[in-house]
PDB file of N, CA and C in Angstrom:
ATOM      1  N   MET A   1      -1.022  -5.788  -9.811  1.00  0.00           N
ATOM      2  CA  MET A   1      -1.941  -4.878 -10.470  1.00  0.00           C
ATOM      3  C   MET A   1      -1.282  -4.153 -11.638  1.00  0.00           C
ATOM      4  N   VAL A   2      -0.063  -3.669 -11.415  1.00  0.00           N
ATOM      5  CA  VAL A   2       0.640  -2.951 -12.481  1.00  0.00           C
ATOM      6  C   VAL A   2       0.972  -3.915 -13.612  1.00  0.00           C
ATOM      7  N   VAL A   3       1.458  -5.105 -13.271  1.00  0.00           N
ATOM      8  CA  VAL A   3       1.774  -6.102 -14.302  1.00  0.00           C
ATOM      9  C   VAL A   3       0.516  -6.474 -15.068  1.00  0.00           C
ATOM     10  N   ASP A   4      -0.582  -6.678 -14.354  1.00  0.00           N
ATOM     11  CA  ASP A   4      -1.845  -7.016 -15.020  1.00  0.00           C
ATOM     12  C   ASP A   4      -2.237  -5.949 -16.032  1.00  0.00           C
ATOM     13  N   HIS A   5      -2.058  -4.688 -15.641  1.00  0.00           N
ATOM     14  CA  HIS A   5      -2.410  -3.599 -16.552  1.00  0.00           C
ATOM     15  C   HIS A   5      -1.505  -3.612 -17.784  1.00  0.00           C
ATOM     16  N   LEU A   6      -0.199  -3.765 -17.580  1.00  0.00           N
ATOM     17  CA  LEU A   6       0.728  -3.788 -18.715  1.00  0.00           C
ATOM     18  C   LEU A   6       0.458  -4.985 -19.623  1.00  0.00           C
ATOM     19  N   GLU A   7       0.159  -6.139 -19.023  1.00  0.00           N
ATOM     20  CA  GLU A   7      -0.133  -7.331 -19.824  1.00  0.00           C
ATOM     21  C   GLU A   7      -1.433  -7.178 -20.616  1.00  0.00           C
ATOM     22  N   ALA A   8      -2.360  -6.434 -20.085  1.00  0.00           N
ATOM     23  CA  ALA A   8      -3.629  -6.207 -20.789  1.00  0.00           C
ATOM     24  C   ALA A   8      -3.477  -5.238 -21.956  1.00  0.00           C
ATOM     25  N   HIS A   9      -2.360  -4.490 -21.979  1.00  0.00           N
ATOM     26  CA  HIS A   9      -2.121  -3.501 -23.033  1.00  0.00           C
ATOM     27  C   HIS A   9      -0.700  -3.646 -23.586  1.00  0.00           C
ATOM     28  N   PRO A  10      -0.359  -4.815 -24.142  1.00  0.00           N
ATOM     29  CA  PRO A  10       1.003  -5.003 -24.654  1.00  0.00           C
ATOM     30  C   PRO A  10       1.311  -4.020 -25.782  1.00  0.00           C
ATOM     31  N   GLY A  11       2.511  -3.511 -25.781  1.00  0.00           N
ATOM     32  CA  GLY A  11       2.911  -2.572 -26.819  1.00  0.00           C
ATOM     33  C   GLY A  11       2.563  -1.129 -26.516  1.00  0.00           C
ATOM     34  N   GLU A  12       1.678  -0.893 -25.560  1.00  0.00           N
ATOM     35  CA  GLU A  12       1.321   0.466 -25.170  1.00  0.00           C
ATOM     36  C   GLU A  12       2.219   0.924 -24.037  1.00  0.00           C
ATOM     37  N   ALA A  13       2.575   2.196 -24.039  1.00  0.00           N
ATOM     38  CA  ALA A  13       3.426   2.761 -22.991  1.00  0.00           C
ATOM     39  C   ALA A  13       2.602   3.685 -22.105  1.00  0.00           C
ATOM     40  N   PHE A  14       2.918   3.666 -20.815  1.00  0.00           N
ATOM     41  CA  PHE A  14       2.166   4.421 -19.828  1.00  0.00           C
ATOM     42  C   PHE A  14       3.094   5.125 -18.848  1.00  0.00           C
ATOM     43  N   THR A  15       2.669   6.282 -18.360  1.00  0.00           N
ATOM     44  CA  THR A  15       3.352   6.926 -17.236  1.00  0.00           C
ATOM     45  C   THR A  15       2.765   6.345 -15.950  1.00  0.00           C
ATOM     46  N   ALA A  16       3.496   6.506 -14.850  1.00  0.00           N
ATOM     47  CA  ALA A  16       2.986   6.058 -13.556  1.00  0.00           C
ATOM     48  C   ALA A  16       1.682   6.779 -13.217  1.00  0.00           C
ATOM     49  N   THR A  17       1.607   8.045 -13.562  1.00  0.00           N
ATOM     50  CA  THR A  17       0.398   8.821 -13.273  1.00  0.00           C
ATOM     51  C   THR A  17      -0.806   8.266 -14.015  1.00  0.00           C
ATOM     52  N   ARG A  18      -0.614   7.932 -15.273  1.00  0.00           N
ATOM     53  CA  ARG A  18      -1.739   7.399 -16.054  1.00  0.00           C
ATOM     54  C   ARG A  18      -2.210   6.059 -15.489  1.00  0.00           C
ATOM     55  N   ILE A  19      -1.256   5.180 -15.154  1.00  0.00           N
ATOM     56  CA  ILE A  19      -1.642   3.895 -14.573  1.00  0.00           C
ATOM     57  C   ILE A  19      -2.345   4.117 -13.244  1.00  0.00           C
ATOM     58  N   SER A  20      -1.829   5.052 -12.440  1.00  0.00           N
ATOM     59  CA  SER A  20      -2.431   5.283 -11.120  1.00  0.00           C
ATOM     60  C   SER A  20      -3.883   5.741 -11.243  1.00  0.00           C
ATOM     61  N   ARG A  21      -4.181   6.509 -12.241  1.00  0.00           N
ATOM     62  CA  ARG A  21      -5.567   6.961 -12.444  1.00  0.00           C
ATOM     63  C   ARG A  21      -6.462   5.819 -12.899  1.00  0.00           C
ATOM     64  N   LEU A  22      -5.894   4.916 -13.689  1.00  0.00           N
ATOM     65  CA  LEU A  22      -6.684   3.804 -14.209  1.00  0.00           C
ATOM     66  C   LEU A  22      -6.958   2.736 -13.159  1.00  0.00           C
ATOM     67  N   ILE A  23      -5.976   2.464 -12.294  1.00  0.00           N
ATOM     68  CA  ILE A  23      -6.180   1.413 -11.297  1.00  0.00           C
ATOM     69  C   ILE A  23      -6.406   1.971  -9.895  1.00  0.00           C
ATOM     70  N   GLU A  24      -6.476   3.280  -9.794  1.00  0.00           N
ATOM     71  CA  GLU A  24      -6.825   3.974  -8.546  1.00  0.00           C
ATOM     72  C   GLU A  24      -5.897   3.639  -7.379  1.00  0.00           C
ATOM     73  N   LYS A  25      -4.592   3.738  -7.632  1.00  0.00           N
ATOM     74  CA  LYS A  25      -3.553   3.605  -6.604  1.00  0.00           C
ATOM     75  C   LYS A  25      -2.645   4.822  -6.710  1.00  0.00           C
ATOM     76  N   SER A  26      -1.836   5.079  -5.695  1.00  0.00           N
ATOM     77  CA  SER A  26      -0.995   6.284  -5.713  1.00  0.00           C
ATOM     78  C   SER A  26       0.069   6.191  -6.806  1.00  0.00           C
ATOM     79  N   SER A  27       0.360   7.316  -7.432  1.00  0.00           N
ATOM     80  CA  SER A  27       1.351   7.333  -8.501  1.00  0.00           C
ATOM     81  C   SER A  27       2.744   7.007  -7.973  1.00  0.00           C
ATOM     82  N   GLY A  28       3.037   7.366  -6.716  1.00  0.00           N
ATOM     83  CA  GLY A  28       4.323   7.030  -6.118  1.00  0.00           C
ATOM     84  C   GLY A  28       4.498   5.530  -5.989  1.00  0.00           C
ATOM     85  N   ALA A  29       3.461   4.852  -5.532  1.00  0.00           N
ATOM     86  CA  ALA A  29       3.511   3.391  -5.413  1.00  0.00           C
ATOM     87  C   ALA A  29       3.645   2.743  -6.788  1.00  0.00           C
ATOM     88  N   ILE A  30       2.962   3.282  -7.767  1.00  0.00           N
ATOM     89  CA  ILE A  30       3.046   2.750  -9.131  1.00  0.00           C
ATOM     90  C   ILE A  30       4.456   2.963  -9.683  1.00  0.00           C
ATOM     91  N   ALA A  31       5.027   4.139  -9.471  1.00  0.00           N
ATOM     92  CA  ALA A  31       6.387   4.427  -9.952  1.00  0.00           C
ATOM     93  C   ALA A  31       7.388   3.461  -9.326  1.00  0.00           C
ATOM     94  N   ASN A  32       7.250   3.205  -8.022  1.00  0.00           N
ATOM     95  CA  ASN A  32       8.139   2.251  -7.355  1.00  0.00           C
ATOM     96  C   ASN A  32       7.978   0.849  -7.932  1.00  0.00           C
ATOM     97  N   ALA A  33       6.744   0.455  -8.170  1.00  0.00           N
ATOM     98  CA  ALA A  33       6.486  -0.862  -8.750  1.00  0.00           C
ATOM     99  C   ALA A  33       7.079  -0.960 -10.150  1.00  0.00           C
ATOM    100  N   LEU A  34       6.949   0.094 -10.944  1.00  0.00           N
ATOM    101  CA  LEU A  34       7.504   0.090 -12.298  1.00  0.00           C
ATOM    102  C   LEU A  34       9.032  -0.014 -12.269  1.00  0.00           C
ATOM    103  N   ASP A  35       9.678   0.703 -11.352  1.00  0.00           N
ATOM    104  CA  ASP A  35      11.133   0.609 -11.224  1.00  0.00           C
ATOM    105  C   ASP A  35      11.555  -0.827 -10.901  1.00  0.00           C
ATOM    106  N   LYS A  36      10.822  -1.471 -10.010  1.00  0.00           N
ATOM    107  CA  LYS A  36      11.108  -2.861  -9.645  1.00  0.00           C
ATOM    108  C   LYS A  36      10.894  -3.789 -10.834  1.00  0.00           C
ATOM    109  N   LEU A  37       9.818  -3.567 -11.578  1.00  0.00           N
ATOM    110  CA  LEU A  37       9.529  -4.402 -12.746  1.00  0.00           C
ATOM    111  C   LEU A  37      10.590  -4.247 -13.828  1.00  0.00           C
ATOM    112  N   VAL A  38      11.140  -3.045 -13.965  1.00  0.00           N
ATOM    113  CA  VAL A  38      12.227  -2.824 -14.926  1.00  0.00           C
ATOM    114  C   VAL A  38      13.456  -3.627 -14.499  1.00  0.00           C
ATOM    115  N   LYS A  39      13.798  -3.574 -13.214  1.00  0.00           N
ATOM    116  CA  LYS A  39      14.956  -4.320 -12.709  1.00  0.00           C
ATOM    117  C   LYS A  39      14.780  -5.822 -12.903  1.00  0.00           C
ATOM    118  N   GLU A  40      13.553  -6.296 -12.806  1.00  0.00           N
ATOM    119  CA  GLU A  40      13.258  -7.719 -12.969  1.00  0.00           C
ATOM    120  C   GLU A  40      13.123  -8.126 -14.435  1.00  0.00           C
ATOM    121  N   GLY A  41      13.155  -7.150 -15.352  1.00  0.00           N
ATOM    122  CA  GLY A  41      13.046  -7.447 -16.772  1.00  0.00           C
ATOM    123  C   GLY A  41      11.625  -7.670 -17.257  1.00  0.00           C
ATOM    124  N   ILE A  42      10.644  -7.347 -16.431  1.00  0.00           N
ATOM    125  CA  ILE A  42       9.241  -7.536 -16.792  1.00  0.00           C
ATOM    126  C   ILE A  42       8.717  -6.347 -17.590  1.00  0.00           C
ATOM    127  N   ALA A  43       9.193  -5.157 -17.238  1.00  0.00           N
ATOM    128  CA  ALA A  43       8.804  -3.929 -17.939  1.00  0.00           C
ATOM    129  C   ALA A  43      10.063  -3.231 -18.435  1.00  0.00           C
ATOM    130  N   GLU A  44       9.866  -2.298 -19.338  1.00  0.00           N
ATOM    131  CA  GLU A  44      10.989  -1.494 -19.820  1.00  0.00           C
ATOM    132  C   GLU A  44      10.583  -0.038 -19.860  1.00  0.00           C
ATOM    133  N   GLN A  45      11.553   0.829 -19.557  1.00  0.00           N
ATOM    134  CA  GLN A  45      11.313   2.270 -19.642  1.00  0.00           C
ATOM    135  C   GLN A  45      11.611   2.689 -21.065  1.00  0.00           C
ATOM    136  N   VAL A  46      10.662   3.352 -21.699  1.00  0.00           N
ATOM    137  CA  VAL A  46      10.824   3.722 -23.102  1.00  0.00           C
ATOM    138  C   VAL A  46      11.123   5.204 -23.312  1.00  0.00           C
ATOM    139  N   ASN A  47      10.832   6.046 -22.307  1.00  0.00           N
ATOM    140  CA  ASN A  47      11.130   7.475 -22.373  1.00  0.00           C
ATOM    141  C   ASN A  47      11.576   7.971 -21.013  1.00  0.00           C
ATOM    142  N   ASP A  48      12.409   9.011 -21.015  1.00  0.00           N
ATOM    143  CA  ASP A  48      12.842   9.621 -19.760  1.00  0.00           C
ATOM    144  C   ASP A  48      11.927  10.758 -19.322  1.00  0.00           C
ATOM    145  N   ARG A  49      11.413  11.526 -20.274  1.00  0.00           N
ATOM    146  CA  ARG A  49      10.563  12.674 -19.961  1.00  0.00           C
ATOM    147  C   ARG A  49       9.349  12.687 -20.865  1.00  0.00           C
ATOM    148  N   PRO A  50       8.204  12.360 -20.381  1.00  0.00           N
ATOM    149  CA  PRO A  50       7.965  11.797 -19.062  1.00  0.00           C
ATOM    150  C   PRO A  50       8.407  10.338 -19.021  1.00  0.00           C
ATOM    151  N   ARG A  51       8.698   9.866 -17.814  1.00  0.00           N
ATOM    152  CA  ARG A  51       9.098   8.465 -17.662  1.00  0.00           C
ATOM    153  C   ARG A  51       7.917   7.592 -18.072  1.00  0.00           C
ATOM    154  N   THR A  52       8.125   6.834 -19.116  1.00  0.00           N
ATOM    155  CA  THR A  52       7.063   6.025 -19.712  1.00  0.00           C
ATOM    156  C   THR A  52       7.527   4.578 -19.781  1.00  0.00           C
ATOM    157  N   PHE A  53       6.612   3.671 -19.491  1.00  0.00           N
ATOM    158  CA  PHE A  53       6.944   2.251 -19.385  1.00  0.00           C
ATOM    159  C   PHE A  53       5.988   1.420 -20.192  1.00  0.00           C
ATOM    160  N   ARG A  54       6.479   0.223 -20.586  1.00  0.00           N
ATOM    161  CA  ARG A  54       5.630  -0.758 -21.248  1.00  0.00           C
ATOM    162  C   ARG A  54       6.110  -2.150 -20.844  1.00  0.00           C
ATOM    163  N   LEU A  55       5.326  -3.138 -21.165  1.00  0.00           N
ATOM    164  CA  LEU A  55       5.682  -4.520 -20.904  1.00  0.00           C
ATOM    165  C   LEU A  55       6.905  -4.865 -21.746  1.00  0.00           C
ATOM    166  N   ALA A  56       7.887  -5.534 -21.141  1.00  0.00           N
ATOM    167  CA  ALA A  56       9.084  -5.942 -21.885  1.00  0.00           C
ATOM    168  C   ALA A  56       8.699  -7.036 -22.880  1.00  0.00           C
ATOM    169  N   ASN A  57       9.449  -7.116 -23.947  1.00  0.00           N
ATOM    170  CA  ASN A  57       9.150  -8.087 -25.010  1.00  0.00           C
ATOM    171  C   ASN A  57       9.483  -9.529 -24.629  1.00  0.00           C
ATOM    172  N   GLY A  58      10.068  -9.710 -23.471  1.00  0.00           N
ATOM    173  CA  GLY A  58      10.339 -11.070 -23.007  1.00  0.00           C
ATOM    174  C   GLY A  58      11.684 -11.485 -23.416  1.00  0.00           C
TER     175      GLY A  58
END
């Protein structure tokens, strides 16, 4: 779900909270998924405060 959202909005950056509101899942679960996606190279963190993520450029 998180990957689908990021792929649907390439180049846009999102906080876990914003994604959680859009796909109606808990922000904690989204944050955990984003951390995993960063480790896998699928997403990248673009800001620390607030923690903001986007789809990695591949």
